[in-house]
N, C-alpha and C. Protein backbone atom coordinates (compact mmCIF):
# COMPACT_ATOMS: atom_id res chain seq x y z
N MET A 1 -101.35 -66.66 -136.25
CA MET A 1 -101.94 -65.47 -135.70
C MET A 1 -100.99 -64.49 -135.36
N PHE A 2 -101.52 -63.12 -135.50
CA PHE A 2 -100.61 -62.02 -135.01
C PHE A 2 -100.95 -61.80 -133.72
N ARG A 3 -99.90 -61.40 -132.89
CA ARG A 3 -100.05 -61.05 -131.50
C ARG A 3 -99.40 -59.99 -131.38
N ALA A 4 -99.99 -58.81 -130.95
CA ALA A 4 -99.28 -57.57 -130.58
C ALA A 4 -98.60 -57.52 -129.33
N SER A 5 -97.53 -56.77 -129.24
CA SER A 5 -96.92 -56.78 -127.89
C SER A 5 -97.67 -56.15 -126.90
N THR A 6 -97.33 -56.39 -125.59
CA THR A 6 -98.18 -55.90 -124.48
C THR A 6 -98.01 -54.34 -124.57
N SER A 7 -97.00 -53.77 -124.51
CA SER A 7 -96.86 -52.42 -124.43
C SER A 7 -97.41 -51.70 -125.54
N LEU A 8 -97.42 -52.27 -126.65
CA LEU A 8 -98.14 -51.59 -127.90
C LEU A 8 -99.62 -51.43 -127.63
N THR A 9 -100.19 -52.64 -127.18
CA THR A 9 -101.56 -52.79 -126.90
C THR A 9 -102.07 -51.86 -125.86
N SER A 10 -101.19 -51.98 -124.64
CA SER A 10 -101.67 -51.00 -123.65
C SER A 10 -101.69 -49.54 -123.96
N TYR A 11 -100.85 -49.24 -124.97
CA TYR A 11 -100.68 -47.71 -125.38
C TYR A 11 -101.88 -47.41 -126.27
N PHE A 12 -102.23 -48.19 -127.34
CA PHE A 12 -103.33 -47.91 -128.21
C PHE A 12 -104.76 -48.26 -127.66
N CYS A 13 -104.79 -49.25 -126.66
CA CYS A 13 -106.11 -49.60 -126.23
C CYS A 13 -106.01 -49.88 -124.66
N PRO A 14 -106.08 -48.87 -123.87
CA PRO A 14 -105.87 -48.94 -122.41
C PRO A 14 -107.16 -49.67 -121.96
N LEU A 15 -107.13 -50.91 -121.68
CA LEU A 15 -108.32 -51.70 -121.29
C LEU A 15 -108.64 -51.41 -119.92
N LYS A 16 -107.61 -51.24 -119.12
CA LYS A 16 -108.07 -50.82 -117.65
C LYS A 16 -108.93 -49.66 -117.48
N ALA A 17 -108.38 -48.64 -118.19
CA ALA A 17 -109.12 -47.29 -118.34
C ALA A 17 -110.52 -47.35 -118.97
N ALA A 18 -110.59 -48.13 -120.08
CA ALA A 18 -112.10 -48.46 -120.61
C ALA A 18 -112.91 -49.20 -119.61
N LEU A 19 -112.50 -50.18 -118.91
CA LEU A 19 -113.25 -50.96 -118.06
C LEU A 19 -113.59 -50.02 -116.78
N TYR A 20 -112.80 -49.28 -116.35
CA TYR A 20 -113.16 -48.50 -115.39
C TYR A 20 -114.12 -47.37 -115.73
N PHE A 21 -113.96 -46.83 -116.83
CA PHE A 21 -114.91 -45.96 -117.43
C PHE A 21 -116.26 -46.65 -117.45
N MET A 22 -116.37 -47.64 -118.02
CA MET A 22 -117.65 -48.44 -118.29
C MET A 22 -118.24 -48.76 -116.96
N LYS A 23 -117.44 -49.13 -115.91
CA LYS A 23 -117.83 -49.43 -114.59
C LYS A 23 -118.58 -48.26 -113.79
N THR A 24 -118.37 -47.09 -114.31
CA THR A 24 -118.87 -45.95 -113.61
C THR A 24 -120.41 -45.85 -113.79
N PHE A 25 -120.84 -46.37 -114.96
CA PHE A 25 -122.27 -46.38 -115.46
C PHE A 25 -122.83 -47.61 -114.85
N SER A 26 -124.18 -47.41 -114.62
CA SER A 26 -124.94 -48.58 -114.14
C SER A 26 -125.08 -49.59 -115.23
N SER A 27 -125.52 -50.66 -114.89
CA SER A 27 -125.65 -51.81 -115.91
C SER A 27 -126.67 -51.36 -116.81
N MET A 28 -127.91 -50.81 -116.51
CA MET A 28 -128.90 -50.33 -117.18
C MET A 28 -128.42 -49.37 -118.46
N THR A 29 -127.61 -48.32 -117.88
CA THR A 29 -127.01 -47.40 -118.81
C THR A 29 -126.18 -48.08 -119.81
N ARG A 30 -125.14 -49.06 -119.38
CA ARG A 30 -124.41 -49.71 -120.24
C ARG A 30 -125.07 -50.45 -121.28
N LYS A 31 -126.15 -51.07 -120.93
CA LYS A 31 -127.17 -51.81 -121.81
C LYS A 31 -127.76 -50.80 -122.87
N ASN A 32 -128.36 -49.80 -122.26
CA ASN A 32 -128.74 -48.70 -123.26
C ASN A 32 -127.90 -48.22 -124.16
N ILE A 33 -126.69 -47.92 -123.93
CA ILE A 33 -125.64 -47.53 -124.86
C ILE A 33 -125.26 -48.54 -125.98
N ALA A 34 -124.91 -49.73 -125.24
CA ALA A 34 -124.80 -50.86 -126.31
C ALA A 34 -125.93 -51.17 -127.41
N ALA A 35 -127.16 -51.10 -126.79
CA ALA A 35 -128.19 -51.29 -127.73
C ALA A 35 -128.59 -50.19 -128.59
N SER A 36 -128.25 -48.86 -128.12
CA SER A 36 -128.47 -47.74 -129.00
C SER A 36 -127.44 -47.62 -130.17
N LEU A 37 -126.28 -48.18 -129.90
CA LEU A 37 -125.28 -48.20 -130.86
C LEU A 37 -125.45 -49.26 -131.86
N ILE A 38 -125.86 -50.47 -131.40
CA ILE A 38 -125.77 -51.66 -132.34
C ILE A 38 -127.06 -51.87 -132.84
N ALA A 39 -128.29 -51.58 -132.44
CA ALA A 39 -129.49 -51.97 -132.81
C ALA A 39 -129.76 -51.15 -134.23
N PRO A 40 -129.32 -49.88 -134.50
CA PRO A 40 -129.75 -49.33 -135.83
C PRO A 40 -129.03 -50.17 -137.09
N LEU A 41 -128.06 -50.68 -136.80
CA LEU A 41 -127.41 -51.44 -137.76
C LEU A 41 -128.20 -52.65 -138.37
N ALA A 42 -129.41 -52.77 -137.69
CA ALA A 42 -130.44 -53.97 -138.20
C ALA A 42 -130.95 -53.53 -139.32
N ILE A 43 -131.01 -52.20 -139.65
CA ILE A 43 -131.67 -51.79 -140.99
C ILE A 43 -130.90 -52.23 -142.10
N ILE A 44 -129.49 -52.65 -142.08
CA ILE A 44 -128.83 -53.12 -143.15
C ILE A 44 -129.21 -54.24 -143.77
N PRO A 45 -129.51 -55.43 -142.97
CA PRO A 45 -129.97 -56.57 -143.41
C PRO A 45 -131.66 -56.48 -143.96
N ALA A 46 -132.30 -55.65 -143.27
CA ALA A 46 -133.65 -55.45 -143.61
C ALA A 46 -133.82 -54.65 -144.85
N ILE A 47 -132.80 -53.81 -145.13
CA ILE A 47 -133.06 -53.03 -146.46
C ILE A 47 -132.43 -54.08 -147.46
N LEU A 48 -131.40 -54.86 -147.22
CA LEU A 48 -131.04 -55.86 -148.13
C LEU A 48 -132.08 -56.99 -148.74
N VAL A 49 -133.05 -57.46 -147.60
CA VAL A 49 -134.09 -58.32 -147.97
C VAL A 49 -135.10 -57.58 -148.77
N PHE A 50 -135.39 -56.30 -148.28
CA PHE A 50 -136.30 -55.55 -149.02
C PHE A 50 -136.05 -55.29 -150.46
N MET A 51 -134.71 -54.91 -150.73
CA MET A 51 -134.33 -54.58 -151.97
C MET A 51 -134.08 -55.91 -152.85
N LEU A 52 -133.92 -56.86 -152.29
CA LEU A 52 -133.76 -58.34 -152.92
C LEU A 52 -135.09 -58.63 -153.44
N ILE A 53 -136.33 -58.51 -152.62
CA ILE A 53 -137.47 -58.72 -152.74
C ILE A 53 -137.94 -58.02 -154.03
N ALA A 54 -137.56 -56.71 -153.95
CA ALA A 54 -138.03 -55.53 -154.91
C ALA A 54 -137.58 -55.91 -156.14
N PHE A 55 -136.22 -56.24 -156.10
CA PHE A 55 -135.47 -56.56 -157.38
C PHE A 55 -135.91 -57.86 -158.00
N LEU A 56 -136.43 -58.92 -157.24
CA LEU A 56 -136.77 -60.04 -157.90
C LEU A 56 -138.32 -59.92 -158.42
N PHE A 57 -139.17 -59.20 -157.90
CA PHE A 57 -140.43 -59.08 -158.48
C PHE A 57 -140.74 -57.73 -159.26
N SER A 58 -139.66 -57.12 -159.60
CA SER A 58 -139.97 -55.87 -160.50
C SER A 58 -139.63 -56.34 -161.93
N ASN A 59 -140.19 -55.62 -162.82
CA ASN A 59 -140.02 -55.89 -164.30
C ASN A 59 -138.71 -55.02 -164.73
N ASN A 60 -138.25 -54.16 -164.20
CA ASN A 60 -137.12 -53.37 -164.51
C ASN A 60 -135.72 -53.80 -163.85
N HIS A 61 -135.03 -54.60 -164.47
CA HIS A 61 -133.80 -55.24 -163.87
C HIS A 61 -132.62 -54.47 -164.69
N ASN A 62 -132.12 -53.49 -163.99
CA ASN A 62 -130.92 -52.75 -164.55
C ASN A 62 -129.89 -52.80 -163.17
N ALA A 63 -128.66 -52.43 -163.76
CA ALA A 63 -127.65 -52.67 -162.71
C ALA A 63 -127.51 -51.53 -161.73
N LYS A 64 -128.46 -50.60 -161.91
CA LYS A 64 -128.34 -49.35 -160.91
C LYS A 64 -128.90 -49.75 -159.54
N TRP A 65 -129.28 -50.87 -159.23
CA TRP A 65 -130.01 -51.22 -157.98
C TRP A 65 -129.03 -51.01 -156.80
N PHE A 66 -127.86 -51.20 -157.06
CA PHE A 66 -126.65 -51.09 -155.88
C PHE A 66 -126.68 -49.60 -155.50
N GLU A 67 -126.76 -48.56 -156.34
CA GLU A 67 -126.69 -47.22 -155.99
C GLU A 67 -128.06 -46.97 -155.00
N GLY A 68 -129.23 -47.49 -155.40
CA GLY A 68 -130.36 -47.43 -154.56
C GLY A 68 -130.24 -47.90 -153.26
N LEU A 69 -129.47 -49.16 -153.18
CA LEU A 69 -129.22 -49.81 -152.04
C LEU A 69 -128.44 -49.04 -151.04
N THR A 70 -127.31 -48.49 -151.49
CA THR A 70 -126.42 -47.85 -150.76
C THR A 70 -126.96 -46.52 -150.26
N PHE A 71 -127.88 -45.71 -151.21
CA PHE A 71 -128.59 -44.74 -150.82
C PHE A 71 -129.74 -44.95 -149.58
N PHE A 72 -130.36 -46.05 -149.68
CA PHE A 72 -131.30 -46.23 -148.71
C PHE A 72 -130.64 -46.75 -147.35
N ILE A 73 -129.60 -47.41 -147.48
CA ILE A 73 -128.84 -47.63 -146.14
C ILE A 73 -128.26 -46.53 -145.47
N VAL A 74 -127.66 -45.58 -146.25
CA VAL A 74 -127.04 -44.43 -145.64
C VAL A 74 -128.14 -43.47 -145.18
N LEU A 75 -129.27 -43.36 -145.85
CA LEU A 75 -130.27 -42.38 -145.43
C LEU A 75 -131.04 -43.05 -144.21
N GLY A 76 -131.09 -44.54 -144.21
CA GLY A 76 -131.76 -45.10 -143.06
C GLY A 76 -130.96 -45.01 -141.89
N LEU A 77 -129.60 -45.15 -141.99
CA LEU A 77 -128.77 -45.06 -140.84
C LEU A 77 -128.70 -43.51 -140.26
N TYR A 78 -128.78 -42.61 -141.32
CA TYR A 78 -128.73 -41.32 -140.92
C TYR A 78 -130.02 -40.93 -140.07
N MET A 79 -131.24 -41.60 -140.42
CA MET A 79 -132.44 -41.29 -139.57
C MET A 79 -132.54 -42.12 -138.34
N ALA A 80 -131.98 -43.43 -138.56
CA ALA A 80 -132.12 -44.45 -137.43
C ALA A 80 -131.42 -44.15 -136.09
N TYR A 81 -130.25 -43.59 -136.22
CA TYR A 81 -129.47 -43.37 -134.99
C TYR A 81 -129.97 -42.41 -134.20
N PRO A 82 -130.47 -41.12 -134.63
CA PRO A 82 -131.18 -40.13 -133.64
C PRO A 82 -132.32 -40.64 -133.24
N ILE A 83 -133.25 -41.22 -134.06
CA ILE A 83 -134.58 -41.69 -133.57
C ILE A 83 -134.38 -42.71 -132.70
N THR A 84 -133.27 -43.65 -132.71
CA THR A 84 -133.16 -44.64 -131.68
C THR A 84 -132.62 -44.05 -130.43
N ILE A 85 -131.81 -43.18 -130.37
CA ILE A 85 -131.01 -42.72 -129.40
C ILE A 85 -132.04 -41.90 -128.52
N PHE A 86 -132.82 -40.91 -129.11
CA PHE A 86 -133.66 -40.17 -128.38
C PHE A 86 -135.06 -40.83 -128.00
N PHE A 87 -135.72 -41.34 -129.02
CA PHE A 87 -137.03 -41.94 -128.78
C PHE A 87 -136.90 -43.38 -128.29
N GLY A 88 -136.01 -44.16 -128.76
CA GLY A 88 -136.08 -45.54 -128.49
C GLY A 88 -135.58 -45.83 -127.00
N SER A 89 -134.36 -45.21 -126.84
CA SER A 89 -133.88 -45.29 -125.36
C SER A 89 -134.59 -44.95 -124.28
N SER A 90 -135.49 -43.64 -124.54
CA SER A 90 -136.32 -42.95 -123.59
C SER A 90 -137.32 -43.97 -123.53
N SER A 91 -138.06 -44.55 -124.51
CA SER A 91 -139.18 -45.49 -124.42
C SER A 91 -138.74 -46.66 -123.63
N VAL A 92 -137.56 -47.25 -123.78
CA VAL A 92 -137.11 -48.41 -123.08
C VAL A 92 -137.08 -47.92 -121.47
N LEU A 93 -136.47 -46.75 -121.16
CA LEU A 93 -136.41 -46.42 -119.89
C LEU A 93 -137.76 -46.44 -119.19
N VAL A 94 -138.69 -45.77 -119.88
CA VAL A 94 -140.21 -45.82 -119.32
C VAL A 94 -140.75 -47.15 -119.24
N LEU A 95 -140.40 -48.01 -120.11
CA LEU A 95 -141.03 -49.40 -119.95
C LEU A 95 -140.40 -50.02 -118.88
N LYS A 96 -139.06 -49.96 -118.71
CA LYS A 96 -138.26 -50.56 -117.56
C LYS A 96 -138.92 -49.99 -116.35
N TYR A 97 -139.19 -48.69 -116.34
CA TYR A 97 -139.57 -48.04 -114.96
C TYR A 97 -140.97 -48.88 -114.48
N PHE A 98 -141.90 -49.05 -115.43
CA PHE A 98 -143.02 -49.75 -115.30
C PHE A 98 -143.09 -51.18 -115.29
N ASP A 99 -141.91 -51.80 -115.60
CA ASP A 99 -141.59 -53.23 -115.60
C ASP A 99 -142.39 -53.88 -116.57
N GLN A 100 -142.53 -53.33 -117.80
CA GLN A 100 -143.20 -53.67 -118.91
C GLN A 100 -142.34 -53.80 -120.15
N PHE A 101 -141.06 -53.91 -120.10
CA PHE A 101 -140.09 -53.95 -121.08
C PHE A 101 -140.03 -55.51 -121.76
N THR A 102 -141.19 -55.68 -122.63
CA THR A 102 -141.25 -56.99 -123.24
C THR A 102 -141.12 -56.69 -124.73
N LEU A 103 -140.93 -57.81 -125.49
CA LEU A 103 -140.75 -57.66 -127.00
C LEU A 103 -142.11 -57.16 -127.52
N VAL A 104 -143.18 -57.61 -127.26
CA VAL A 104 -144.46 -57.14 -127.83
C VAL A 104 -144.64 -55.61 -127.36
N ASN A 105 -144.33 -55.36 -126.19
CA ASN A 105 -144.52 -53.60 -125.91
C ASN A 105 -143.60 -52.85 -126.69
N THR A 106 -142.21 -53.44 -126.86
CA THR A 106 -141.35 -52.71 -127.69
C THR A 106 -141.79 -52.55 -129.20
N LEU A 107 -142.33 -53.67 -129.67
CA LEU A 107 -142.71 -53.62 -131.00
C LEU A 107 -143.93 -52.59 -131.20
N ILE A 108 -144.84 -52.64 -130.31
CA ILE A 108 -146.11 -51.71 -130.29
C ILE A 108 -145.53 -50.30 -130.31
N ILE A 109 -144.79 -49.76 -129.47
CA ILE A 109 -144.08 -48.64 -129.43
C ILE A 109 -143.42 -48.22 -130.79
N ALA A 110 -142.58 -49.19 -131.35
CA ALA A 110 -142.06 -48.95 -132.46
C ALA A 110 -143.08 -48.65 -133.64
N VAL A 111 -144.00 -49.37 -133.80
CA VAL A 111 -145.00 -49.04 -134.81
C VAL A 111 -145.68 -47.58 -134.48
N ILE A 112 -145.90 -47.36 -133.18
CA ILE A 112 -146.52 -46.00 -132.95
C ILE A 112 -145.50 -44.84 -133.40
N LEU A 113 -144.19 -44.98 -132.96
CA LEU A 113 -143.12 -44.08 -133.46
C LEU A 113 -143.02 -43.87 -134.93
N ALA A 114 -143.22 -45.15 -135.55
CA ALA A 114 -143.00 -45.16 -137.19
C ALA A 114 -144.28 -44.47 -137.75
N THR A 115 -145.35 -44.57 -137.08
CA THR A 115 -146.58 -43.78 -137.57
C THR A 115 -146.34 -42.38 -137.41
N LEU A 116 -145.71 -41.82 -136.38
CA LEU A 116 -145.43 -40.46 -136.04
C LEU A 116 -144.50 -40.01 -137.28
N VAL A 117 -143.44 -40.81 -137.41
CA VAL A 117 -142.37 -40.25 -138.31
C VAL A 117 -142.76 -40.30 -139.74
N SER A 118 -143.54 -41.30 -140.20
CA SER A 118 -144.12 -41.30 -141.56
C SER A 118 -145.15 -40.31 -141.63
N ALA A 119 -146.04 -39.89 -140.66
CA ALA A 119 -146.89 -38.71 -140.77
C ALA A 119 -146.17 -37.47 -141.00
N VAL A 120 -145.02 -37.31 -140.31
CA VAL A 120 -144.11 -36.02 -140.53
C VAL A 120 -143.55 -35.97 -142.10
N LEU A 121 -143.00 -37.23 -142.37
CA LEU A 121 -142.24 -37.23 -143.69
C LEU A 121 -143.12 -37.12 -144.62
N VAL A 122 -143.71 -38.38 -145.21
CA VAL A 122 -144.67 -38.37 -146.35
C VAL A 122 -145.80 -39.26 -145.70
N PRO A 123 -147.04 -38.69 -145.64
CA PRO A 123 -148.10 -39.52 -145.25
C PRO A 123 -148.77 -40.28 -146.31
N VAL A 124 -148.13 -41.27 -146.77
CA VAL A 124 -148.33 -42.28 -147.77
C VAL A 124 -148.44 -43.60 -147.15
N PHE A 125 -149.24 -44.50 -147.48
CA PHE A 125 -149.36 -45.70 -146.92
C PHE A 125 -148.08 -46.70 -147.10
N LYS A 126 -147.48 -46.42 -148.22
CA LYS A 126 -146.24 -47.35 -148.67
C LYS A 126 -145.00 -46.86 -147.62
N THR A 127 -145.14 -45.61 -147.65
CA THR A 127 -144.02 -45.04 -146.64
C THR A 127 -144.25 -45.51 -145.22
N TRP A 128 -145.40 -45.56 -144.65
CA TRP A 128 -145.51 -46.04 -143.37
C TRP A 128 -145.26 -47.51 -143.33
N ILE A 129 -145.48 -48.41 -144.31
CA ILE A 129 -145.14 -49.88 -144.25
C ILE A 129 -143.67 -49.80 -144.31
N PHE A 130 -142.83 -49.15 -145.16
CA PHE A 130 -141.42 -49.26 -145.13
C PHE A 130 -140.91 -48.89 -143.83
N ILE A 131 -141.29 -47.53 -143.36
CA ILE A 131 -140.73 -47.12 -142.09
C ILE A 131 -141.17 -48.11 -141.00
N SER A 132 -142.25 -48.53 -140.96
CA SER A 132 -142.66 -49.47 -139.94
C SER A 132 -141.71 -50.73 -139.86
N TYR A 133 -141.45 -51.19 -141.12
CA TYR A 133 -140.63 -52.48 -141.28
C TYR A 133 -139.38 -52.21 -140.74
N LEU A 134 -138.69 -51.11 -141.06
CA LEU A 134 -137.38 -50.77 -140.49
C LEU A 134 -137.53 -50.52 -138.99
N SER A 135 -138.43 -50.03 -138.59
CA SER A 135 -138.65 -49.61 -137.06
C SER A 135 -138.81 -50.88 -136.42
N LEU A 136 -139.59 -51.82 -136.86
CA LEU A 136 -139.70 -53.25 -136.15
C LEU A 136 -138.37 -54.06 -136.06
N SER A 137 -137.64 -53.90 -137.23
CA SER A 137 -136.21 -54.57 -137.19
C SER A 137 -135.37 -53.98 -136.28
N ILE A 138 -135.30 -52.54 -136.14
CA ILE A 138 -134.48 -52.04 -135.04
C ILE A 138 -134.82 -52.24 -133.68
N SER A 139 -136.20 -52.40 -133.42
CA SER A 139 -136.63 -52.73 -132.12
C SER A 139 -136.53 -54.12 -131.68
N CYS A 140 -136.57 -54.91 -132.51
CA CYS A 140 -136.27 -56.33 -132.29
C CYS A 140 -134.65 -56.45 -131.83
N ALA A 141 -133.91 -55.71 -132.81
CA ALA A 141 -132.52 -55.79 -132.41
C ALA A 141 -132.14 -55.19 -131.06
N TYR A 142 -132.79 -53.93 -130.77
CA TYR A 142 -132.70 -53.45 -129.49
C TYR A 142 -132.94 -54.16 -128.53
N TRP A 143 -134.19 -54.75 -128.44
CA TRP A 143 -134.53 -55.78 -127.48
C TRP A 143 -133.54 -56.97 -127.20
N TYR A 144 -132.97 -57.52 -128.33
CA TYR A 144 -132.26 -58.60 -128.21
C TYR A 144 -130.78 -58.20 -127.65
N VAL A 145 -130.40 -57.02 -128.15
CA VAL A 145 -128.99 -56.51 -127.50
C VAL A 145 -129.10 -56.33 -126.23
N PHE A 146 -130.29 -55.69 -125.71
CA PHE A 146 -130.51 -55.18 -124.35
C PHE A 146 -130.71 -56.37 -123.54
N HIS A 147 -131.31 -57.49 -123.80
CA HIS A 147 -131.47 -58.62 -123.02
C HIS A 147 -130.36 -59.60 -123.08
N ARG A 148 -129.81 -59.89 -124.20
CA ARG A 148 -128.88 -61.10 -124.70
C ARG A 148 -127.34 -60.58 -124.53
N VAL A 149 -127.17 -59.70 -125.43
CA VAL A 149 -125.74 -59.45 -125.78
C VAL A 149 -125.24 -58.34 -124.54
N ALA A 150 -125.97 -57.43 -124.16
CA ALA A 150 -125.40 -56.60 -123.03
C ALA A 150 -125.32 -57.10 -121.72
N ASN A 151 -125.76 -58.31 -121.51
CA ASN A 151 -125.59 -59.04 -120.16
C ASN A 151 -124.12 -59.34 -119.97
N LYS A 152 -123.36 -59.45 -120.98
CA LYS A 152 -121.99 -59.96 -120.84
C LYS A 152 -121.00 -58.74 -120.92
N ILE A 153 -121.69 -57.48 -120.98
CA ILE A 153 -120.73 -56.33 -120.74
C ILE A 153 -120.43 -56.09 -119.47
């Protein structure tokens, strides 16, 4: 195992400063920041599963499916981060305020937001299903990170 020297590590990664900076926020804010940054990454396995199923059940098997995969992942992340930061974290704050932050309530709000986004983009049923699927995967990840992972921060 490679072990860096203490002075080099403290120069590049001032842990005391980072911990002090994170301690200035409340635990609720730290959990929201962690969940907002990690949860949108849940669309990567969701899109991989979707593309694998689409590849297996389609009649057109060509080698360009990887280009479509990267396009959907980049486009999905491009849309997922702002929507998660603005709408997801604010809805979590409202749910926490009313003490109703459960997985079921989070999923219901995710489907409502997916319906709004789908109505603005392309009001087609297939688009709504795809956006709802991605929204549900992000909301499950947000809830999991908020409750399980962020408790260790």
